[in-house]
C-alpha atoms as a PDB file:
ATOM      1  CA  UNK A   1     -80.091  22.150  85.666  1.00  0.00           C
ATOM      2  CA  UNK A   2     -82.007  25.157  86.894  1.00  0.00           C
ATOM      3  CA  UNK A   3     -83.012  28.287  84.989  1.00  0.00           C
ATOM      4  CA  UNK A   4     -80.012  30.362  86.102  1.00  0.00           C
ATOM      5  CA  UNK A   5     -77.557  27.682  84.985  1.00  0.00           C
ATOM      6  CA  UNK A   6     -79.259  27.423  81.584  1.00  0.00           C
ATOM      7  CA  UNK A   7     -79.092  31.197  81.187  1.00  0.00           C
ATOM      8  CA  UNK A   8     -75.390  31.240  82.141  1.00  0.00           C
ATOM      9  CA  UNK A   9     -74.661  28.439  79.672  1.00  0.00           C
ATOM     10  CA  UNK A  10     -76.376  30.310  76.830  1.00  0.00           C
ATOM     11  CA  UNK A  11     -74.588  33.528  77.734  1.00  0.00           C
ATOM     12  CA  UNK A  12     -71.207  31.769  77.824  1.00  0.00           C
ATOM     13  CA  UNK A  13     -71.844  30.217  74.403  1.00  0.00           C
ATOM     14  CA  UNK A  14     -72.754  33.605  72.921  1.00  0.00           C
ATOM     15  CA  UNK A  15     -69.577  35.165  74.306  1.00  0.00           C
ATOM     16  CA  UNK A  16     -67.523  32.194  73.055  1.00  0.00           C
ATOM     17  CA  UNK A  17     -68.830  32.588  69.492  1.00  0.00           C
ATOM     18  CA  UNK A  18     -68.328  36.351  69.599  1.00  0.00           C
ATOM     19  CA  UNK A  19     -64.715  35.927  70.723  1.00  0.00           C
ATOM     20  CA  UNK A  20     -64.063  33.274  68.042  1.00  0.00           C
ATOM     21  CA  UNK A  21     -65.439  35.616  65.389  1.00  0.00           C
ATOM     22  CA  UNK A  22     -63.286  38.501  66.650  1.00  0.00           C
ATOM     23  CA  UNK A  23     -60.151  36.377  66.694  1.00  0.00           C
ATOM     24  CA  UNK A  24     -60.909  35.049  63.224  1.00  0.00           C
ATOM     25  CA  UNK A  25     -61.327  38.555  61.803  1.00  0.00           C
ATOM     26  CA  UNK A  26     -58.070  39.810  63.261  1.00  0.00           C
ATOM     27  CA  UNK A  27     -56.243  36.654  62.178  1.00  0.00           C
ATOM     28  CA  UNK A  28     -57.485  37.245  58.638  1.00  0.00           C
ATOM     29  CA  UNK A  29     -56.249  40.837  58.778  1.00  0.00           C
ATOM     30  CA  UNK A  30     -52.869  39.650  60.075  1.00  0.00           C
ATOM     31  CA  UNK A  31     -52.557  37.213  57.182  1.00  0.00           C
ATOM     32  CA  UNK A  32     -53.615  39.802  54.582  1.00  0.00           C
ATOM     33  CA  UNK A  33     -51.216  42.477  55.858  1.00  0.00           C
ATOM     34  CA  UNK A  34     -48.471  39.958  56.806  1.00  0.00           C
ATOM     35  CA  UNK A  35     -48.075  41.400  60.307  1.00  0.00           C
ATOM     36  CA  UNK A  36     -48.407  38.866  63.139  1.00  0.00           C
ATOM     37  CA  UNK A  37     -48.775  41.516  65.854  1.00  0.00           C
ATOM     38  CA  UNK A  38     -52.186  42.623  64.514  1.00  0.00           C
ATOM     39  CA  UNK A  39     -53.689  39.653  66.355  1.00  0.00           C
ATOM     40  CA  UNK A  40     -52.897  41.373  69.658  1.00  0.00           C
ATOM     41  CA  UNK A  41     -55.499  44.036  68.825  1.00  0.00           C
ATOM     42  CA  UNK A  42     -58.179  41.359  69.107  1.00  0.00           C
ATOM     43  CA  UNK A  43     -57.570  41.383  72.884  1.00  0.00           C
ATOM     44  CA  UNK A  44     -59.132  44.852  72.990  1.00  0.00           C
ATOM     45  CA  UNK A  45     -62.401  43.451  71.623  1.00  0.00           C
ATOM     46  CA  UNK A  46     -62.675  40.255  73.683  1.00  0.00           C
ATOM     47  CA  UNK A  47     -65.739  39.830  75.892  1.00  0.00           C
ATOM     48  CA  UNK A  48     -66.142  37.964  79.149  1.00  0.00           C
ATOM     49  CA  UNK A  49     -68.885  37.018  81.555  1.00  0.00           C
ATOM     50  CA  UNK A  50     -68.609  37.655  85.268  1.00  0.00           C
ATOM     51  CA  UNK A  51     -70.765  35.517  87.522  1.00  0.00           C
ATOM     52  CA  UNK A  52     -71.656  36.522  91.043  1.00  0.00           C
ATOM     53  CA  UNK A  53     -72.107  33.822  93.631  1.00  0.00           C
ATOM     54  CA  UNK A  54     -75.583  33.490  95.038  1.00  0.00           C
ATOM     55  CA  UNK A  55     -75.885  32.256  98.612  1.00  0.00           C
ATOM     56  CA  UNK A  56     -78.279  29.350  98.840  1.00  0.00           C
ATOM     57  CA  UNK A  57     -80.194  29.632 102.100  1.00  0.00           C
END
């Protein structure tokens, strides 16, 4: 595994934990306020990672 792959793996794990935390917070709010649709607001705060392909020459 090269350095770029290790970096991408770490970045993906950070984003995964951030998204889990966000979903957990909004799920807790939905349970407290007894409104299931509150969970949809978590979509506004989700993160993602976009990878660009690098040509190997």
